[in-house]
Amino acid sequence: MCPLASWKTEMLKRNWPVVALIALLVAGLVAPLATGETPAGFYAEVLLGGLMTGVLYSLVALGFVLIFKASGVFNFAQGAMVLFAALSVARMAEVMPWWIAAALAVGIMVALAWLIERLVLRPLVNQEAIALLMATLGVTYFLDGFGQTVWGSDIYEINLGIAKEPVMVLENLFQGGILVNKEDFVAAVAAGVLVALLALFFQKTPTGRALRAVADDHQAAQSIGIPLNRIWVIVWSVAGVVALVAGVIWGSKLGVQFSISQVALKALPVVILGGFTSVPGAIIGGLIIGVGEKMAEVFLGPVLVKAFDLAGGGIENWFAYMLALLFLLVRPEGLFGEKHIDRV
């Protein structure tokens, strides 16, 4: 057997639970279309909606991945950063065009990143990971309270000037066409472009390579002249911009309110599936979660209602977390995460 075939066989043996789980999910997603019970147009509409939602989940998950890659600590403050950025844009947009407000909010998030590095992270260099974790919890509660103290705690609107009414597309391809929300489509495209730019930034730029070096080993990166403090400011600034884009998108869809910070919780299953250190994993994990929960709500929900005499609904709320739990049982490092083995 050739080395490549042997390697593929070995990888399949090691990861067969993940392969089986993915095969089962794919079979479940394809079954409604394959059996002919669901019209192709409606199936494509649900699939497209799931993909657009998944791109937005990927965007939020990227904020977690960026901080984890740079510091090795899960950033609980990402949801609070999304809320703070959205509140900043919403309130400033009341007296100026929203795009000017967004540009000013970028400066606010960069200044916030500098303050976090200066006041919180710098004193904790080379400390235990639990200290950094608790620090991000402190930043979370501070931003939640400070943001509402400065900007207010009501429900605010972000108007991007995009029609919210759905439009019919692909009428020649699918009978009856597919309903697509313009705002969702534009948001998904914008999020997809930002995700692609971030991936290129990490792979092709000197700063991106320095960030990856810091993620691999803080002390080794410092020994070759990479300034850890500057890298942390950069990565928190990038995470702040990601939070700003996510906050503007979700704020325009749901309104800017305290519960918008809970959107970040949906990114937890995404990073668990993709891997805490993988930018491509955050993208693919978000698409899997977005499509999976939409398909489960539309196609699996009625089946469970009939089979077990349930009231129905709510699958979309817990599907992602159940899928993440299954992945933790069979592949804790995620699809693209690195497996760490400690020898004792």
Protein backbone atom coordinates (compact mmCIF):
# COMPACT_ATOMS: atom_id res chain seq x y z
CA MET A 1 0.00 0.00 0.00
CA CYS A 2 1.35 3.44 -0.91
CA PRO A 3 2.19 5.85 1.95
CA LEU A 4 -0.64 8.25 1.03
CA ALA A 5 -3.25 5.47 1.04
CA SER A 6 -1.87 4.16 4.33
CA TRP A 7 -2.05 7.64 5.86
CA LYS A 8 -5.66 8.09 4.72
CA THR A 9 -6.61 4.70 6.16
CA GLU A 10 -4.97 5.56 9.48
CA MET A 11 -6.73 8.94 9.64
CA LEU A 12 -10.06 7.26 8.91
CA LYS A 13 -9.51 4.77 11.71
CA ARG A 14 -8.68 7.50 14.19
CA ASN A 15 -11.55 9.79 13.24
CA TRP A 16 -14.28 7.32 12.38
CA PRO A 17 -16.70 8.72 15.02
CA VAL A 18 -16.46 12.17 13.43
CA VAL A 19 -16.84 10.71 9.92
CA ALA A 20 -19.88 8.71 11.03
CA LEU A 21 -21.44 11.74 12.73
CA ILE A 22 -20.92 13.96 9.68
CA ALA A 23 -22.29 11.23 7.38
CA LEU A 24 -25.37 10.93 9.58
CA LEU A 25 -25.92 14.70 9.52
CA VAL A 26 -25.48 14.88 5.75
CA ALA A 27 -27.90 11.98 5.27
CA GLY A 28 -30.45 13.73 7.45
CA LEU A 29 -30.08 16.99 5.54
CA VAL A 30 -30.36 15.37 2.13
CA ALA A 31 -33.19 12.96 3.01
CA PRO A 32 -36.10 15.45 2.62
CA LEU A 33 -34.98 16.30 -0.91
CA ALA A 34 -34.01 12.75 -1.90
CA THR A 35 -37.38 11.30 -0.87
CA GLY A 36 -39.26 13.90 -2.87
CA GLU A 37 -41.27 15.03 0.15
CA THR A 38 -39.88 18.57 -0.06
CA PRO A 39 -39.97 20.77 -3.18
CA ALA A 40 -36.51 21.64 -4.45
CA GLY A 41 -37.23 25.37 -4.27
CA PHE A 42 -38.27 25.25 -0.61
CA TYR A 43 -35.29 23.05 0.25
CA ALA A 44 -32.92 25.49 -1.47
CA GLU A 45 -34.56 28.40 0.37
CA VAL A 46 -33.98 26.78 3.78
CA LEU A 47 -30.41 25.81 2.79
CA LEU A 48 -29.59 29.34 1.63
CA GLY A 49 -31.05 30.83 4.82
CA GLY A 50 -28.92 28.47 6.89
CA LEU A 51 -25.77 29.39 4.97
CA MET A 52 -26.39 33.12 5.42
CA THR A 53 -26.96 32.67 9.15
CA GLY A 54 -23.89 30.43 9.36
CA VAL A 55 -21.67 33.15 7.87
CA LEU A 56 -22.79 35.51 10.62
CA TYR A 57 -22.05 32.87 13.27
CA SER A 58 -18.60 32.44 11.72
CA LEU A 59 -17.99 36.16 12.02
CA VAL A 60 -18.73 36.15 15.76
CA ALA A 61 -16.69 32.95 16.25
CA LEU A 62 -13.68 34.58 14.58
CA GLY A 63 -13.45 37.00 17.49
CA PHE A 64 -13.08 34.08 19.89
CA VAL A 65 -10.52 32.35 17.67
CA LEU A 66 -8.39 35.48 17.24
CA ILE A 67 -8.05 36.08 20.99
CA PHE A 68 -7.46 32.39 21.73
CA LYS A 69 -4.74 32.17 19.08
CA ALA A 70 -2.92 35.19 20.50
CA SER A 71 -3.25 34.50 24.23
CA GLY A 72 -4.38 30.90 24.63
CA VAL A 73 -7.38 32.08 26.67
CA PHE A 74 -11.04 31.94 25.77
CA ASN A 75 -12.36 35.51 25.57
CA PHE A 76 -15.66 35.69 27.43
CA ALA A 77 -15.79 39.41 26.66
CA GLN A 78 -16.51 38.95 22.94
CA GLY A 79 -20.28 39.11 23.42
CA ALA A 80 -19.96 42.26 25.52
CA MET A 81 -17.75 43.77 22.81
CA VAL A 82 -20.46 43.07 20.23
CA LEU A 83 -23.02 44.83 22.44
CA PHE A 84 -20.73 47.79 23.21
CA ALA A 85 -19.86 48.30 19.53
CA ALA A 86 -23.50 48.06 18.44
CA LEU A 87 -24.58 50.55 21.13
CA SER A 88 -21.85 52.97 20.02
CA VAL A 89 -22.97 52.89 16.39
CA ALA A 90 -26.69 53.03 17.19
CA ARG A 91 -26.44 56.08 19.45
CA MET A 92 -23.99 58.01 17.28
CA ALA A 93 -26.08 57.21 14.19
CA GLU A 94 -28.89 59.25 15.73
CA VAL A 95 -26.94 62.46 14.97
CA MET A 96 -24.88 61.44 11.92
CA PRO A 97 -24.94 58.94 9.00
CA TRP A 98 -24.49 55.37 10.18
CA TRP A 99 -21.30 54.83 8.16
CA ILE A 100 -19.62 57.80 9.86
CA ALA A 101 -20.78 56.45 13.20
CA ALA A 102 -19.31 53.05 12.29
CA ALA A 103 -15.97 54.66 11.37
CA LEU A 104 -15.87 56.48 14.71
CA ALA A 105 -16.80 53.23 16.46
CA VAL A 106 -13.75 51.56 14.88
CA GLY A 107 -11.59 54.16 16.64
CA ILE A 108 -13.45 53.50 19.89
CA MET A 109 -12.87 49.74 19.65
CA VAL A 110 -9.15 50.23 18.88
CA ALA A 111 -8.83 52.57 21.88
CA LEU A 112 -10.68 49.98 23.98
CA ALA A 113 -8.23 47.30 22.82
CA TRP A 114 -5.28 49.50 23.84
CA LEU A 115 -6.79 50.09 27.28
CA ILE A 116 -7.48 46.38 27.81
CA GLU A 117 -3.89 45.51 26.90
CA ARG A 118 -2.43 48.31 29.02
CA LEU A 119 -4.57 47.89 32.13
CA VAL A 120 -5.56 44.21 32.11
CA LEU A 121 -3.32 42.02 29.95
CA ARG A 122 0.13 43.57 30.43
CA PRO A 123 0.22 42.95 34.20
CA LEU A 124 -0.74 39.31 33.55
CA VAL A 125 2.00 38.40 31.04
CA ASN A 126 3.32 34.85 31.68
CA GLN A 127 0.72 34.29 34.41
CA GLU A 128 -1.53 31.24 34.65
CA ALA A 129 -4.24 30.92 31.99
CA ILE A 130 -6.95 30.99 34.66
CA ALA A 131 -5.86 34.53 35.59
CA LEU A 132 -6.37 35.71 31.99
CA LEU A 133 -9.69 33.87 31.83
CA MET A 134 -10.98 35.62 34.94
CA ALA A 135 -9.70 38.91 33.53
CA THR A 136 -11.86 38.48 30.41
CA LEU A 137 -14.85 37.80 32.68
CA GLY A 138 -14.14 41.06 34.47
CA VAL A 139 -13.91 42.89 31.14
CA THR A 140 -17.25 41.35 30.17
CA TYR A 141 -19.17 42.71 33.13
CA PHE A 142 -17.41 46.06 32.93
CA LEU A 143 -18.32 46.54 29.25
CA ASP A 144 -21.92 45.43 29.86
CA GLY A 145 -22.39 48.02 32.59
CA PHE A 146 -20.21 50.79 31.19
CA GLY A 147 -21.74 50.55 27.71
CA GLN A 148 -25.27 50.92 29.03
CA THR A 149 -24.21 53.70 31.40
CA VAL A 150 -22.71 55.74 28.54
CA TRP A 151 -25.07 54.88 25.69
CA GLY A 152 -28.29 53.89 27.48
CA SER A 153 -30.17 50.63 28.02
CA ASP A 154 -33.21 51.00 25.75
CA ILE A 155 -33.73 49.19 22.46
CA TYR A 156 -32.10 51.13 19.64
CA GLU A 157 -32.31 50.82 15.85
CA ILE A 158 -29.55 50.68 13.28
CA ASN A 159 -30.91 51.52 9.84
CA LEU A 160 -28.55 50.51 7.05
CA GLY A 161 -30.90 51.75 4.36
CA ILE A 162 -31.54 48.23 3.02
CA ALA A 163 -35.09 47.03 2.38
CA LYS A 164 -36.13 44.34 4.85
CA GLU A 165 -38.86 42.87 2.63
CA PRO A 166 -37.93 39.53 1.02
CA VAL A 167 -37.63 39.31 -2.76
CA MET A 168 -38.21 36.39 -5.11
CA VAL A 169 -35.12 35.10 -6.94
CA LEU A 170 -34.21 32.16 -9.21
CA GLU A 171 -37.77 31.86 -10.50
CA ASN A 172 -36.51 30.27 -13.73
CA LEU A 173 -34.55 27.61 -11.86
CA PHE A 174 -37.05 26.66 -9.14
CA GLN A 175 -40.80 26.55 -9.49
CA GLY A 176 -42.19 29.43 -7.46
CA GLY A 177 -38.70 30.88 -6.91
CA ILE A 178 -36.84 31.40 -3.62
CA LEU A 179 -37.58 34.09 -1.07
CA VAL A 180 -34.43 35.92 0.03
CA ASN A 181 -34.20 38.78 2.50
CA LYS A 182 -32.07 41.55 0.98
CA GLU A 183 -30.68 42.64 4.33
CA ASP A 184 -29.69 39.09 5.24
CA PHE A 185 -28.03 38.61 1.87
CA VAL A 186 -26.02 41.85 2.06
CA ALA A 187 -25.04 41.06 5.65
CA ALA A 188 -23.89 37.57 4.69
CA VAL A 189 -21.82 38.91 1.78
CA ALA A 190 -20.22 41.57 3.99
CA ALA A 191 -19.45 39.03 6.69
CA GLY A 192 -18.05 36.60 4.11
CA VAL A 193 -15.73 39.27 2.68
CA LEU A 194 -14.46 40.16 6.15
CA VAL A 195 -13.89 36.49 6.98
CA ALA A 196 -11.90 36.03 3.75
CA LEU A 197 -9.80 39.15 4.44
CA LEU A 198 -9.00 37.95 7.94
CA ALA A 199 -7.95 34.55 6.62
CA LEU A 200 -5.61 36.23 4.11
CA PHE A 201 -4.31 38.54 6.83
CA PHE A 202 -3.27 35.58 8.98
CA GLN A 203 -1.71 33.62 6.13
CA LYS A 204 -0.01 36.25 3.96
CA THR A 205 1.07 39.24 6.07
CA PRO A 206 4.09 39.53 8.39
CA THR A 207 1.82 40.68 11.23
CA GLY A 208 -0.43 37.69 10.68
CA ARG A 209 2.52 35.33 10.80
CA ALA A 210 3.69 37.03 14.00
CA LEU A 211 0.25 36.44 15.49
CA ARG A 212 0.51 32.75 14.61
CA ALA A 213 3.96 32.59 16.18
CA VAL A 214 2.66 34.12 19.41
CA ALA A 215 -0.18 31.62 19.39
CA ASP A 216 2.28 28.72 19.16
CA ASP A 217 4.59 29.83 21.99
CA HIS A 218 4.60 33.19 23.80
CA GLN A 219 8.11 32.91 25.21
CA ALA A 220 9.64 31.64 21.96
CA ALA A 221 8.00 34.50 20.04
CA GLN A 222 9.39 37.02 22.52
CA SER A 223 12.86 35.48 22.27
CA ILE A 224 13.03 36.21 18.52
CA GLY A 225 11.95 39.82 18.95
CA ILE A 226 8.16 39.69 18.50
CA PRO A 227 6.67 42.26 20.92
CA LEU A 228 3.90 40.45 22.78
CA ASN A 229 2.23 43.63 24.02
CA ARG A 230 1.93 45.10 20.50
CA ILE A 231 0.59 41.81 19.16
CA TRP A 232 -2.09 41.74 21.85
CA VAL A 233 -3.17 45.29 20.99
CA ILE A 234 -3.42 44.33 17.31
CA VAL A 235 -5.38 41.15 17.89
CA TRP A 236 -7.79 42.78 20.35
CA SER A 237 -8.26 45.64 17.86
CA VAL A 238 -9.06 43.16 15.08
CA ALA A 239 -11.42 41.31 17.40
CA GLY A 240 -13.03 44.66 18.24
CA VAL A 241 -13.58 45.45 14.55
CA VAL A 242 -15.06 41.96 14.06
CA ALA A 243 -17.35 42.61 17.04
CA LEU A 244 -18.33 45.95 15.50
CA VAL A 245 -19.32 44.40 12.17
CA ALA A 246 -21.22 41.63 13.96
CA GLY A 247 -22.93 44.15 16.22
CA VAL A 248 -24.03 46.35 13.31
CA ILE A 249 -25.37 43.35 11.38
CA TRP A 250 -27.24 41.77 14.28
CA GLY A 251 -28.36 45.18 15.55
CA SER A 252 -29.93 46.01 12.20
CA LYS A 253 -31.75 42.66 12.25
CA LEU A 254 -32.83 42.40 15.89
CA GLY A 255 -32.41 45.91 17.28
CA VAL A 256 -29.61 46.89 19.64
CA GLN A 257 -30.51 45.61 23.09
CA PHE A 258 -28.87 43.79 25.98
CA SER A 259 -29.80 40.36 24.61
CA ILE A 260 -27.62 40.92 21.53
CA SER A 261 -24.61 39.91 23.62
CA GLN A 262 -26.18 36.46 23.87
CA VAL A 263 -25.63 36.01 20.13
CA ALA A 264 -22.02 35.31 21.01
CA LEU A 265 -23.15 32.17 22.85
CA LYS A 266 -24.05 30.65 19.47
CA ALA A 267 -20.40 31.02 18.53
CA LEU A 268 -19.40 28.56 21.27
CA PRO A 269 -20.61 25.49 19.35
CA VAL A 270 -18.98 26.94 16.23
CA VAL A 271 -15.50 27.09 17.75
CA ILE A 272 -15.98 23.69 19.38
CA LEU A 273 -16.76 22.16 15.99
CA GLY A 274 -14.06 23.99 14.05
CA GLY A 275 -11.34 24.12 16.69
CA PHE A 276 -10.34 26.95 19.01
CA THR A 277 -7.18 27.78 17.04
CA SER A 278 -8.43 27.46 13.48
CA VAL A 279 -9.71 30.37 11.36
CA PRO A 280 -10.93 27.98 8.58
CA GLY A 281 -12.52 25.90 11.33
CA ALA A 282 -14.52 28.92 12.52
CA ILE A 283 -15.80 29.44 8.97
CA ILE A 284 -16.75 25.83 8.32
CA GLY A 285 -18.12 25.35 11.83
CA GLY A 286 -20.37 28.37 11.41
CA LEU A 287 -21.75 27.06 8.12
CA ILE A 288 -22.39 23.63 9.65
CA ILE A 289 -24.22 25.14 12.62
CA GLY A 290 -26.22 27.59 10.50
CA VAL A 291 -27.39 25.00 7.98
CA GLY A 292 -27.88 22.28 10.59
CA GLU A 293 -30.12 24.27 12.91
CA LYS A 294 -32.27 25.61 10.05
CA MET A 295 -32.70 22.16 8.55
CA ALA A 296 -33.41 20.61 11.94
CA GLU A 297 -36.04 23.22 12.76
CA VAL A 298 -37.84 22.90 9.43
CA PHE A 299 -37.50 19.19 8.62
CA LEU A 300 -36.65 17.36 11.85
CA GLY A 301 -39.09 19.27 14.05
CA PRO A 302 -42.30 17.97 12.43
CA VAL A 303 -40.95 14.40 12.50
CA LEU A 304 -40.27 14.58 16.24
CA VAL A 305 -43.68 16.14 16.88
CA LYS A 306 -45.45 13.25 15.13
CA ALA A 307 -43.23 10.49 16.52
CA PHE A 308 -43.25 11.53 20.18
CA ASP A 309 -46.39 13.68 20.40
CA LEU A 310 -44.40 16.79 21.29
CA ALA A 311 -45.54 20.39 21.25
CA GLY A 312 -42.93 21.25 18.61
CA GLY A 313 -40.57 24.17 18.04
CA GLY A 314 -37.38 25.17 19.77
CA ILE A 315 -35.01 22.77 18.00
CA GLU A 316 -33.13 25.70 16.53
CA ASN A 317 -32.28 26.85 20.06
CA TRP A 318 -30.57 23.65 21.25
CA PHE A 319 -29.43 21.85 18.09
CA ALA A 320 -26.04 23.63 17.95
CA TYR A 321 -25.24 22.85 21.58
CA MET A 322 -26.21 19.20 21.24
CA LEU A 323 -24.03 18.89 18.14
CA ALA A 324 -21.14 20.52 20.02
CA LEU A 325 -21.63 18.06 22.90
CA LEU A 326 -21.37 15.13 20.51
CA PHE A 327 -18.17 16.55 19.04
CA LEU A 328 -16.70 16.97 22.51
CA LEU A 329 -17.33 13.29 23.14
CA VAL A 330 -15.70 12.04 19.94
CA ARG A 331 -13.23 14.80 18.94
CA PRO A 332 -12.68 17.43 21.66
CA GLU A 333 -10.15 19.41 19.59
CA GLY A 334 -12.67 20.02 16.78
CA LEU A 335 -12.43 19.36 13.07
CA PHE A 336 -9.33 21.51 12.48
CA GLY A 337 -7.97 21.96 16.00
CA GLU A 338 -4.62 20.65 17.14
CA LYS A 339 -4.49 17.58 19.36
CA HIS A 340 -2.25 18.18 22.39
CA ILE A 341 -0.63 15.20 24.05
CA ASP A 342 1.07 15.70 27.41
CA ARG A 343 3.70 13.08 28.18
CA VAL A 344 4.26 12.30 31.85
